[in-house]
Amino acid sequence: MLETNPNVSVRPAVASDAGALAGIFEESWRQAYSGIIPHVFLSETIKRHGERWWTRALVAGGPHLLLEVLGQPAGYASFGKSRSQGREEGEIYELYLAPLYQGLGFGEHLFEGCRAHLDDRGLNGLIVWVLRENRGARSFYAHRGGLAKHRCIDLTTGARLEKFGYVWG
């Protein structure tokens, strides 16, 4: 567990966290993507990512970190090797906070936890993909020194969505 202060911690997520992660996923996705991602796709994605999905994902062993504030699950992140063809070797795939915890500095703990794990793996450089319309996430990564150097169009939702790749190092 990465201790950040007595009230905030970041640790590897385990299968027993699946229910909490499903709740954080639903709340954060509804807050972040309502009006951006088509409603049907958003609803289906949230429905698929319930507790059973999270249990399987955590048992399969993909790296996920859980943020706890005063012992309560508040956010999560997943990370690993970059899926892009750029120079960045590491990628944060997801970083989400429950809306109650957004804008209070807690995301920084998850972000730095991911960076530490990627550094431990010897992965140089980092990329995070963010939808253009997700202004809160774009501001979050820009304030952490990320530069929007890459751009692509995502059609997986049934809509044409522009994404920016924020990079470090």
N, C-alpha and C. Protein backbone atom coordinates (compact mmCIF):
# COMPACT_ATOMS: atom_id res chain seq x y z
N MET A 1 0.85 -1.17 0.00
CA MET A 1 0.00 0.00 0.00
C MET A 1 0.90 1.24 0.00
N LEU A 2 0.53 2.23 -0.82
CA LEU A 2 1.26 3.48 -0.86
C LEU A 2 0.60 4.46 0.10
N GLU A 3 1.23 4.75 1.22
CA GLU A 3 0.66 5.70 2.17
C GLU A 3 0.94 7.11 1.68
N THR A 4 -0.08 7.92 1.57
CA THR A 4 0.10 9.29 1.14
C THR A 4 -0.10 10.25 2.30
N ASN A 5 -1.01 9.96 3.18
CA ASN A 5 -1.18 10.65 4.45
C ASN A 5 -2.10 9.77 5.29
N PRO A 6 -2.30 10.06 6.55
CA PRO A 6 -3.08 9.13 7.39
C PRO A 6 -4.52 8.92 6.93
N ASN A 7 -5.07 9.85 6.18
CA ASN A 7 -6.47 9.76 5.77
C ASN A 7 -6.68 9.31 4.33
N VAL A 8 -5.60 9.26 3.54
CA VAL A 8 -5.70 8.93 2.12
C VAL A 8 -4.68 7.83 1.81
N SER A 9 -5.14 6.79 1.14
CA SER A 9 -4.20 5.74 0.74
C SER A 9 -4.54 5.25 -0.66
N VAL A 10 -3.53 4.73 -1.31
CA VAL A 10 -3.66 4.10 -2.62
C VAL A 10 -3.07 2.72 -2.49
N ARG A 11 -3.85 1.71 -2.88
CA ARG A 11 -3.38 0.33 -2.77
C ARG A 11 -3.86 -0.47 -3.97
N PRO A 12 -3.24 -1.63 -4.21
CA PRO A 12 -3.75 -2.50 -5.28
C PRO A 12 -5.18 -2.93 -4.96
N ALA A 13 -6.04 -2.87 -5.96
CA ALA A 13 -7.42 -3.34 -5.78
C ALA A 13 -7.44 -4.86 -5.80
N VAL A 14 -8.36 -5.43 -5.02
CA VAL A 14 -8.52 -6.88 -4.93
C VAL A 14 -9.98 -7.23 -5.23
N ALA A 15 -10.24 -8.51 -5.44
CA ALA A 15 -11.57 -8.96 -5.85
C ALA A 15 -12.67 -8.49 -4.91
N SER A 16 -12.40 -8.38 -3.63
CA SER A 16 -13.43 -7.94 -2.69
C SER A 16 -13.79 -6.46 -2.87
N ASP A 17 -13.03 -5.73 -3.68
CA ASP A 17 -13.34 -4.33 -3.98
C ASP A 17 -14.28 -4.18 -5.17
N ALA A 18 -14.68 -5.29 -5.78
CA ALA A 18 -15.45 -5.24 -7.04
C ALA A 18 -16.73 -4.42 -6.91
N GLY A 19 -17.48 -4.58 -5.86
CA GLY A 19 -18.72 -3.82 -5.69
C GLY A 19 -18.47 -2.32 -5.64
N ALA A 20 -17.45 -1.93 -4.88
CA ALA A 20 -17.12 -0.51 -4.78
C ALA A 20 -16.66 0.04 -6.12
N LEU A 21 -15.87 -0.73 -6.85
CA LEU A 21 -15.39 -0.27 -8.16
C LEU A 21 -16.54 -0.13 -9.15
N ALA A 22 -17.49 -1.05 -9.11
CA ALA A 22 -18.66 -0.96 -10.00
C ALA A 22 -19.43 0.33 -9.70
N GLY A 23 -19.58 0.67 -8.43
CA GLY A 23 -20.28 1.90 -8.07
C GLY A 23 -19.54 3.14 -8.51
N ILE A 24 -18.22 3.16 -8.31
CA ILE A 24 -17.41 4.30 -8.74
C ILE A 24 -17.46 4.43 -10.24
N PHE A 25 -17.37 3.31 -10.96
CA PHE A 25 -17.42 3.33 -12.42
C PHE A 25 -18.73 3.97 -12.87
N GLU A 26 -19.85 3.49 -12.33
CA GLU A 26 -21.15 4.02 -12.76
C GLU A 26 -21.28 5.51 -12.47
N GLU A 27 -20.98 5.92 -11.25
CA GLU A 27 -21.12 7.33 -10.88
C GLU A 27 -20.22 8.24 -11.72
N SER A 28 -18.96 7.84 -11.86
CA SER A 28 -18.00 8.70 -12.56
C SER A 28 -18.28 8.75 -14.05
N TRP A 29 -18.67 7.63 -14.65
CA TRP A 29 -18.98 7.63 -16.07
C TRP A 29 -20.23 8.45 -16.37
N ARG A 30 -21.26 8.31 -15.54
CA ARG A 30 -22.47 9.12 -15.76
C ARG A 30 -22.15 10.60 -15.66
N GLN A 31 -21.34 10.96 -14.66
CA GLN A 31 -20.99 12.36 -14.46
C GLN A 31 -20.11 12.88 -15.59
N ALA A 32 -19.13 12.09 -16.03
CA ALA A 32 -18.17 12.55 -17.03
C ALA A 32 -18.71 12.53 -18.45
N TYR A 33 -19.55 11.54 -18.78
CA TYR A 33 -19.85 11.30 -20.19
C TYR A 33 -21.30 11.51 -20.60
N SER A 34 -22.20 11.81 -19.67
CA SER A 34 -23.58 12.11 -20.06
C SER A 34 -23.57 13.34 -20.97
N GLY A 35 -24.21 13.22 -22.11
CA GLY A 35 -24.23 14.30 -23.08
C GLY A 35 -23.04 14.30 -24.03
N ILE A 36 -22.07 13.43 -23.79
CA ILE A 36 -20.90 13.32 -24.67
C ILE A 36 -20.96 12.00 -25.43
N ILE A 37 -21.06 10.92 -24.69
CA ILE A 37 -21.18 9.58 -25.29
C ILE A 37 -22.67 9.30 -25.49
N PRO A 38 -23.06 8.74 -26.64
CA PRO A 38 -24.48 8.43 -26.84
C PRO A 38 -25.06 7.64 -25.67
N HIS A 39 -26.28 8.02 -25.26
CA HIS A 39 -26.92 7.47 -24.07
C HIS A 39 -26.99 5.94 -24.08
N VAL A 40 -27.37 5.34 -25.20
CA VAL A 40 -27.51 3.89 -25.27
C VAL A 40 -26.16 3.22 -25.01
N PHE A 41 -25.11 3.71 -25.65
CA PHE A 41 -23.77 3.13 -25.45
C PHE A 41 -23.33 3.32 -24.00
N LEU A 42 -23.54 4.51 -23.44
CA LEU A 42 -23.15 4.79 -22.06
C LEU A 42 -23.87 3.85 -21.10
N SER A 43 -25.17 3.70 -21.26
CA SER A 43 -25.95 2.83 -20.38
C SER A 43 -25.51 1.37 -20.48
N GLU A 44 -25.27 0.91 -21.71
CA GLU A 44 -24.84 -0.48 -21.90
C GLU A 44 -23.46 -0.71 -21.30
N THR A 45 -22.57 0.24 -21.45
CA THR A 45 -21.21 0.11 -20.89
C THR A 45 -21.27 0.05 -19.37
N ILE A 46 -22.06 0.91 -18.76
CA ILE A 46 -22.19 0.90 -17.30
C ILE A 46 -22.80 -0.42 -16.84
N LYS A 47 -23.81 -0.89 -17.53
CA LYS A 47 -24.46 -2.15 -17.16
C LYS A 47 -23.48 -3.32 -17.23
N ARG A 48 -22.65 -3.35 -18.28
CA ARG A 48 -21.65 -4.43 -18.43
C ARG A 48 -20.59 -4.40 -17.34
N HIS A 49 -20.27 -3.24 -16.83
CA HIS A 49 -19.19 -3.09 -15.85
C HIS A 49 -19.72 -3.13 -14.42
N GLY A 50 -20.53 -4.12 -14.15
CA GLY A 50 -21.06 -4.33 -12.81
C GLY A 50 -20.08 -5.11 -11.95
N GLU A 51 -20.55 -5.53 -10.80
CA GLU A 51 -19.69 -6.20 -9.83
C GLU A 51 -19.06 -7.49 -10.39
N ARG A 52 -19.82 -8.28 -11.14
CA ARG A 52 -19.26 -9.52 -11.71
C ARG A 52 -18.12 -9.21 -12.69
N TRP A 53 -18.29 -8.20 -13.52
CA TRP A 53 -17.24 -7.82 -14.47
C TRP A 53 -15.98 -7.43 -13.70
N TRP A 54 -16.14 -6.61 -12.66
CA TRP A 54 -14.99 -6.16 -11.88
C TRP A 54 -14.32 -7.32 -11.16
N THR A 55 -15.09 -8.25 -10.65
CA THR A 55 -14.50 -9.41 -9.99
C THR A 55 -13.62 -10.17 -10.97
N ARG A 56 -14.14 -10.43 -12.16
CA ARG A 56 -13.34 -11.14 -13.18
C ARG A 56 -12.08 -10.36 -13.55
N ALA A 57 -12.20 -9.04 -13.74
CA ALA A 57 -11.05 -8.22 -14.12
C ALA A 57 -9.98 -8.24 -13.03
N LEU A 58 -10.38 -8.18 -11.78
CA LEU A 58 -9.41 -8.17 -10.69
C LEU A 58 -8.78 -9.53 -10.47
N VAL A 59 -9.55 -10.59 -10.63
CA VAL A 59 -9.00 -11.95 -10.50
C VAL A 59 -8.02 -12.22 -11.65
N ALA A 60 -8.31 -11.69 -12.83
CA ALA A 60 -7.42 -11.88 -13.99
C ALA A 60 -6.07 -11.20 -13.78
N GLY A 61 -6.02 -10.24 -12.88
CA GLY A 61 -4.73 -9.69 -12.47
C GLY A 61 -4.28 -8.43 -13.17
N GLY A 62 -5.10 -7.80 -13.98
CA GLY A 62 -4.68 -6.52 -14.55
C GLY A 62 -4.46 -5.51 -13.44
N PRO A 63 -3.42 -4.69 -13.52
CA PRO A 63 -3.13 -3.78 -12.41
C PRO A 63 -4.18 -2.69 -12.26
N HIS A 64 -4.79 -2.65 -11.09
CA HIS A 64 -5.76 -1.63 -10.71
C HIS A 64 -5.38 -1.11 -9.34
N LEU A 65 -5.43 0.20 -9.18
CA LEU A 65 -5.20 0.81 -7.88
C LEU A 65 -6.52 1.35 -7.35
N LEU A 66 -6.70 1.26 -6.05
CA LEU A 66 -7.89 1.78 -5.39
C LEU A 66 -7.47 2.93 -4.47
N LEU A 67 -8.15 4.05 -4.60
CA LEU A 67 -7.96 5.19 -3.71
C LEU A 67 -8.98 5.10 -2.59
N GLU A 68 -8.50 5.21 -1.36
CA GLU A 68 -9.40 5.23 -0.21
C GLU A 68 -9.19 6.55 0.55
N VAL A 69 -10.30 7.16 0.93
CA VAL A 69 -10.29 8.37 1.73
C VAL A 69 -11.03 8.05 3.02
N LEU A 70 -10.34 8.17 4.14
CA LEU A 70 -10.91 7.80 5.44
C LEU A 70 -11.46 6.38 5.41
N GLY A 71 -10.75 5.50 4.71
CA GLY A 71 -11.12 4.09 4.64
C GLY A 71 -12.23 3.77 3.66
N GLN A 72 -12.76 4.77 2.95
CA GLN A 72 -13.85 4.55 2.00
C GLN A 72 -13.31 4.58 0.57
N PRO A 73 -13.73 3.63 -0.28
CA PRO A 73 -13.31 3.66 -1.68
C PRO A 73 -13.77 4.96 -2.34
N ALA A 74 -12.85 5.64 -3.00
CA ALA A 74 -13.15 6.95 -3.58
C ALA A 74 -12.80 7.04 -5.06
N GLY A 75 -11.96 6.13 -5.56
CA GLY A 75 -11.55 6.18 -6.96
C GLY A 75 -10.69 5.00 -7.31
N TYR A 76 -10.41 4.87 -8.60
CA TYR A 76 -9.57 3.78 -9.06
C TYR A 76 -8.81 4.20 -10.31
N ALA A 77 -7.78 3.44 -10.62
CA ALA A 77 -7.02 3.64 -11.86
C ALA A 77 -6.52 2.29 -12.34
N SER A 78 -6.36 2.19 -13.66
CA SER A 78 -5.71 1.03 -14.26
C SER A 78 -4.62 1.55 -15.20
N PHE A 79 -3.60 0.75 -15.39
CA PHE A 79 -2.41 1.22 -16.10
C PHE A 79 -1.63 0.03 -16.62
N GLY A 80 -0.65 0.28 -17.48
CA GLY A 80 0.22 -0.77 -17.99
C GLY A 80 1.01 -0.27 -19.18
N LYS A 81 1.41 -1.22 -20.04
CA LYS A 81 2.15 -0.86 -21.25
C LYS A 81 1.25 -0.06 -22.18
N SER A 82 1.85 0.88 -22.86
CA SER A 82 1.11 1.73 -23.77
C SER A 82 0.51 0.91 -24.91
N ARG A 83 -0.72 1.23 -25.25
CA ARG A 83 -1.40 0.58 -26.39
C ARG A 83 -1.19 1.38 -27.66
N SER A 84 -0.49 2.51 -27.56
CA SER A 84 -0.24 3.39 -28.69
C SER A 84 1.09 3.05 -29.35
N GLN A 85 1.30 3.58 -30.52
CA GLN A 85 2.53 3.33 -31.26
C GLN A 85 3.58 4.42 -31.04
N GLY A 86 3.35 5.34 -30.12
CA GLY A 86 4.28 6.43 -29.88
C GLY A 86 5.48 6.01 -29.06
N ARG A 87 6.24 7.01 -28.64
CA ARG A 87 7.46 6.76 -27.86
C ARG A 87 7.16 6.44 -26.40
N GLU A 88 5.97 6.75 -25.94
CA GLU A 88 5.62 6.53 -24.54
C GLU A 88 5.40 5.03 -24.31
N GLU A 89 6.09 4.49 -23.31
CA GLU A 89 6.00 3.06 -23.03
C GLU A 89 4.90 2.72 -22.03
N GLY A 90 4.53 3.66 -21.18
CA GLY A 90 3.50 3.42 -20.16
C GLY A 90 2.22 4.17 -20.48
N GLU A 91 1.11 3.65 -19.97
CA GLU A 91 -0.18 4.30 -20.20
C GLU A 91 -1.06 4.15 -18.96
N ILE A 92 -1.75 5.20 -18.62
CA ILE A 92 -2.84 5.11 -17.65
C ILE A 92 -4.09 4.92 -18.49
N TYR A 93 -4.71 3.75 -18.35
CA TYR A 93 -5.89 3.43 -19.15
C TYR A 93 -7.13 4.12 -18.61
N GLU A 94 -7.27 4.13 -17.29
CA GLU A 94 -8.43 4.74 -16.65
C GLU A 94 -7.98 5.36 -15.34
N LEU A 95 -8.58 6.50 -15.01
CA LEU A 95 -8.39 7.11 -13.70
C LEU A 95 -9.70 7.84 -13.41
N TYR A 96 -10.45 7.33 -12.47
CA TYR A 96 -11.78 7.88 -12.16
C TYR A 96 -11.96 8.01 -10.66
N LEU A 97 -12.59 9.11 -10.28
CA LEU A 97 -12.98 9.35 -8.90
C LEU A 97 -14.49 9.42 -8.82
N ALA A 98 -15.06 8.94 -7.72
CA ALA A 98 -16.47 9.16 -7.47
C ALA A 98 -16.68 10.67 -7.44
N PRO A 99 -17.80 11.17 -7.97
CA PRO A 99 -18.01 12.63 -8.04
C PRO A 99 -17.83 13.36 -6.71
N LEU A 100 -18.18 12.74 -5.60
CA LEU A 100 -18.02 13.36 -4.29
C LEU A 100 -16.58 13.77 -4.01
N TYR A 101 -15.61 13.07 -4.59
CA TYR A 101 -14.20 13.29 -4.30
C TYR A 101 -13.47 14.07 -5.39
N GLN A 102 -14.17 14.48 -6.42
CA GLN A 102 -13.53 15.20 -7.52
C GLN A 102 -13.26 16.66 -7.15
N GLY A 103 -12.17 17.19 -7.69
CA GLY A 103 -11.83 18.59 -7.48
C GLY A 103 -11.23 18.91 -6.13
N LEU A 104 -10.86 17.88 -5.37
CA LEU A 104 -10.32 18.09 -4.03
C LEU A 104 -8.86 17.68 -3.89
N GLY A 105 -8.23 17.31 -5.00
CA GLY A 105 -6.82 16.93 -4.98
C GLY A 105 -6.56 15.44 -4.81
N PHE A 106 -7.62 14.64 -4.69
CA PHE A 106 -7.42 13.20 -4.47
C PHE A 106 -6.93 12.48 -5.73
N GLY A 107 -7.29 12.97 -6.91
CA GLY A 107 -6.84 12.34 -8.14
C GLY A 107 -5.33 12.31 -8.26
N GLU A 108 -4.67 13.29 -7.69
CA GLU A 108 -3.21 13.36 -7.71
C GLU A 108 -2.59 12.11 -7.08
N HIS A 109 -3.22 11.60 -6.02
CA HIS A 109 -2.70 10.41 -5.35
C HIS A 109 -2.75 9.19 -6.28
N LEU A 110 -3.85 9.04 -7.00
CA LEU A 110 -3.95 7.92 -7.95
C LEU A 110 -2.97 8.09 -9.10
N PHE A 111 -2.89 9.31 -9.63
CA PHE A 111 -1.99 9.59 -10.74
C PHE A 111 -0.55 9.25 -10.35
N GLU A 112 -0.11 9.72 -9.21
CA GLU A 112 1.27 9.46 -8.77
C GLU A 112 1.47 7.98 -8.44
N GLY A 113 0.44 7.32 -7.93
CA GLY A 113 0.54 5.88 -7.70
C GLY A 113 0.77 5.12 -9.00
N CYS A 114 0.05 5.50 -10.05
CA CYS A 114 0.25 4.87 -11.36
C CYS A 114 1.65 5.14 -11.87
N ARG A 115 2.08 6.38 -11.78
CA ARG A 115 3.43 6.73 -12.26
C ARG A 115 4.49 5.92 -11.53
N ALA A 116 4.34 5.76 -10.23
CA ALA A 116 5.33 5.00 -9.45
C ALA A 116 5.37 3.54 -9.92
N HIS A 117 4.21 2.94 -10.13
CA HIS A 117 4.17 1.55 -10.59
C HIS A 117 4.75 1.41 -12.00
N LEU A 118 4.47 2.36 -12.87
CA LEU A 118 5.03 2.31 -14.23
C LEU A 118 6.54 2.49 -14.19
N ASP A 119 7.01 3.39 -13.33
CA ASP A 119 8.46 3.58 -13.16
C ASP A 119 9.12 2.31 -12.64
N ASP A 120 8.46 1.64 -11.68
CA ASP A 120 9.00 0.39 -11.13
C ASP A 120 9.12 -0.68 -12.21
N ARG A 121 8.27 -0.63 -13.21
CA ARG A 121 8.32 -1.58 -14.32
C ARG A 121 9.34 -1.17 -15.38
N GLY A 122 9.96 -0.01 -15.20
CA GLY A 122 10.95 0.46 -16.16
C GLY A 122 10.35 1.00 -17.44
N LEU A 123 9.09 1.40 -17.41
CA LEU A 123 8.43 1.95 -18.60
C LEU A 123 8.68 3.45 -18.67
N ASN A 124 9.32 3.89 -19.74
CA ASN A 124 9.67 5.29 -19.90
C ASN A 124 8.59 6.03 -20.67
N GLY A 125 8.26 7.19 -20.19
CA GLY A 125 7.23 8.00 -20.83
C GLY A 125 5.84 7.50 -20.46
N LEU A 126 4.87 8.38 -20.55
CA LEU A 126 3.51 8.07 -20.14
C LEU A 126 2.54 8.75 -21.09
N ILE A 127 1.45 8.08 -21.40
CA ILE A 127 0.37 8.66 -22.18
C ILE A 127 -0.96 8.36 -21.51
N VAL A 128 -1.88 9.32 -21.61
CA VAL A 128 -3.25 9.17 -21.13
C VAL A 128 -4.14 9.75 -22.23
N TRP A 129 -5.14 8.98 -22.67
CA TRP A 129 -6.08 9.45 -23.69
C TRP A 129 -7.32 10.02 -23.02
N VAL A 130 -7.76 11.18 -23.50
CA VAL A 130 -8.89 11.91 -22.90
C VAL A 130 -9.79 12.43 -24.01
N LEU A 131 -11.09 12.26 -23.83
CA LEU A 131 -12.03 12.83 -24.80
C LEU A 131 -11.95 14.35 -24.78
N ARG A 132 -11.99 14.94 -25.96
CA ARG A 132 -11.89 16.41 -26.09
C ARG A 132 -12.93 17.11 -25.22
N GLU A 133 -14.14 16.58 -25.19
CA GLU A 133 -15.23 17.22 -24.44
C GLU A 133 -15.12 17.05 -22.93
N ASN A 134 -14.23 16.20 -22.46
CA ASN A 134 -14.07 15.97 -21.02
C ASN A 134 -13.10 17.03 -20.47
N ARG A 135 -13.61 18.23 -20.31
CA ARG A 135 -12.77 19.36 -19.92
C ARG A 135 -12.14 19.18 -18.54
N GLY A 136 -12.87 18.56 -17.63
CA GLY A 136 -12.31 18.34 -16.29
C GLY A 136 -11.08 17.46 -16.33
N ALA A 137 -11.14 16.36 -17.08
CA ALA A 137 -9.98 15.47 -17.19
C ALA A 137 -8.84 16.16 -17.93
N ARG A 138 -9.16 16.90 -18.98
CA ARG A 138 -8.10 17.59 -19.72
C ARG A 138 -7.37 18.58 -18.82
N SER A 139 -8.12 19.30 -18.00
CA SER A 139 -7.51 20.26 -17.07
C SER A 139 -6.65 19.53 -16.03
N PHE A 140 -7.17 18.41 -15.53
CA PHE A 140 -6.43 17.62 -14.54
C PHE A 140 -5.06 17.22 -15.07
N TYR A 141 -5.01 16.66 -16.27
CA TYR A 141 -3.73 16.19 -16.81
C TYR A 141 -2.82 17.34 -17.23
N ALA A 142 -3.39 18.41 -17.74
CA ALA A 142 -2.58 19.58 -18.10
C ALA A 142 -1.92 20.18 -16.85
N HIS A 143 -2.64 20.21 -15.75
CA HIS A 143 -2.08 20.76 -14.50
C HIS A 143 -0.99 19.85 -13.92
N ARG A 144 -0.93 18.63 -14.36
CA ARG A 144 0.12 17.72 -13.92
C ARG A 144 1.27 17.68 -14.92
N GLY A 145 1.29 18.60 -15.85
CA GLY A 145 2.40 18.72 -16.79
C GLY A 145 2.23 17.94 -18.08
N GLY A 146 1.07 17.34 -18.29
CA GLY A 146 0.84 16.60 -19.53
C GLY A 146 0.65 17.54 -20.71
N LEU A 147 1.20 17.15 -21.84
CA LEU A 147 1.06 17.92 -23.07
C LEU A 147 0.19 17.13 -24.05
N ALA A 148 -0.81 17.77 -24.61
CA ALA A 148 -1.71 17.12 -25.57
C ALA A 148 -1.01 17.06 -26.92
N LYS A 149 -0.19 16.03 -27.11
CA LYS A 149 0.64 15.90 -28.31
C LYS A 149 0.03 15.01 -29.39
N HIS A 150 -0.91 14.17 -29.01
CA HIS A 150 -1.51 13.25 -29.98
C HIS A 150 -3.00 13.51 -30.06
N ARG A 151 -3.57 13.13 -31.20
CA ARG A 151 -4.99 13.32 -31.42
C ARG A 151 -5.48 12.17 -32.27
N CYS A 152 -6.68 11.69 -31.97
CA CYS A 152 -7.29 10.65 -32.81
C CYS A 152 -8.80 10.76 -32.72
N ILE A 153 -9.48 10.07 -33.60
CA ILE A 153 -10.93 10.01 -33.61
C ILE A 153 -11.33 8.61 -33.18
N ASP A 154 -12.24 8.53 -32.21
CA ASP A 154 -12.74 7.26 -31.70
C ASP A 154 -14.17 7.09 -32.20
N LEU A 155 -14.44 5.96 -32.83
CA LEU A 155 -15.77 5.68 -33.37
C LEU A 155 -16.47 4.54 -32.63
N THR A 156 -15.86 4.03 -31.55
CA THR A 156 -16.39 2.83 -30.88
C THR A 156 -17.74 3.03 -30.23
N THR A 157 -18.11 4.27 -29.92
CA THR A 157 -19.39 4.53 -29.25
C THR A 157 -20.54 4.71 -30.22
N GLY A 158 -20.25 4.71 -31.51
CA GLY A 158 -21.28 5.01 -32.50
C GLY A 158 -21.31 6.49 -32.84
N ALA A 159 -20.49 7.27 -32.19
CA ALA A 159 -20.36 8.69 -32.47
C ALA A 159 -18.90 8.99 -32.80
N ARG A 160 -18.68 10.09 -33.45
CA ARG A 160 -17.32 10.51 -33.78
C ARG A 160 -16.81 11.37 -32.62
N LEU A 161 -15.92 10.80 -31.81
CA LEU A 161 -15.39 11.49 -30.63
C LEU A 161 -13.90 11.72 -30.78
N GLU A 162 -13.50 12.95 -30.60
CA GLU A 162 -12.08 13.29 -30.68
C GLU A 162 -11.42 13.06 -29.32
N LYS A 163 -10.22 12.44 -29.36
CA LYS A 163 -9.44 12.19 -28.14
C LYS A 163 -8.08 12.84 -28.28
N PHE A 164 -7.57 13.31 -27.15
CA PHE A 164 -6.21 13.84 -27.08
C PHE A 164 -5.36 12.91 -26.24
N GLY A 165 -4.13 12.69 -26.68
CA GLY A 165 -3.16 11.91 -25.93
C GLY A 165 -2.23 12.85 -25.18
N TYR A 166 -2.39 12.91 -23.86
CA TYR A 166 -1.51 13.71 -23.01
C TYR A 166 -0.28 12.88 -22.68
N VAL A 167 0.90 13.49 -22.83
CA VAL A 167 2.14 12.74 -22.64
C VAL A 167 3.06 13.43 -21.64
N TRP A 168 3.89 12.60 -21.02
CA TRP A 168 4.94 13.03 -20.09
C TRP A 168 6.21 12.28 -20.48
N GLY A 169 7.34 12.96 -20.40
CA GLY A 169 8.64 12.34 -20.57
C GLY A 169 8.80 11.59 -21.85
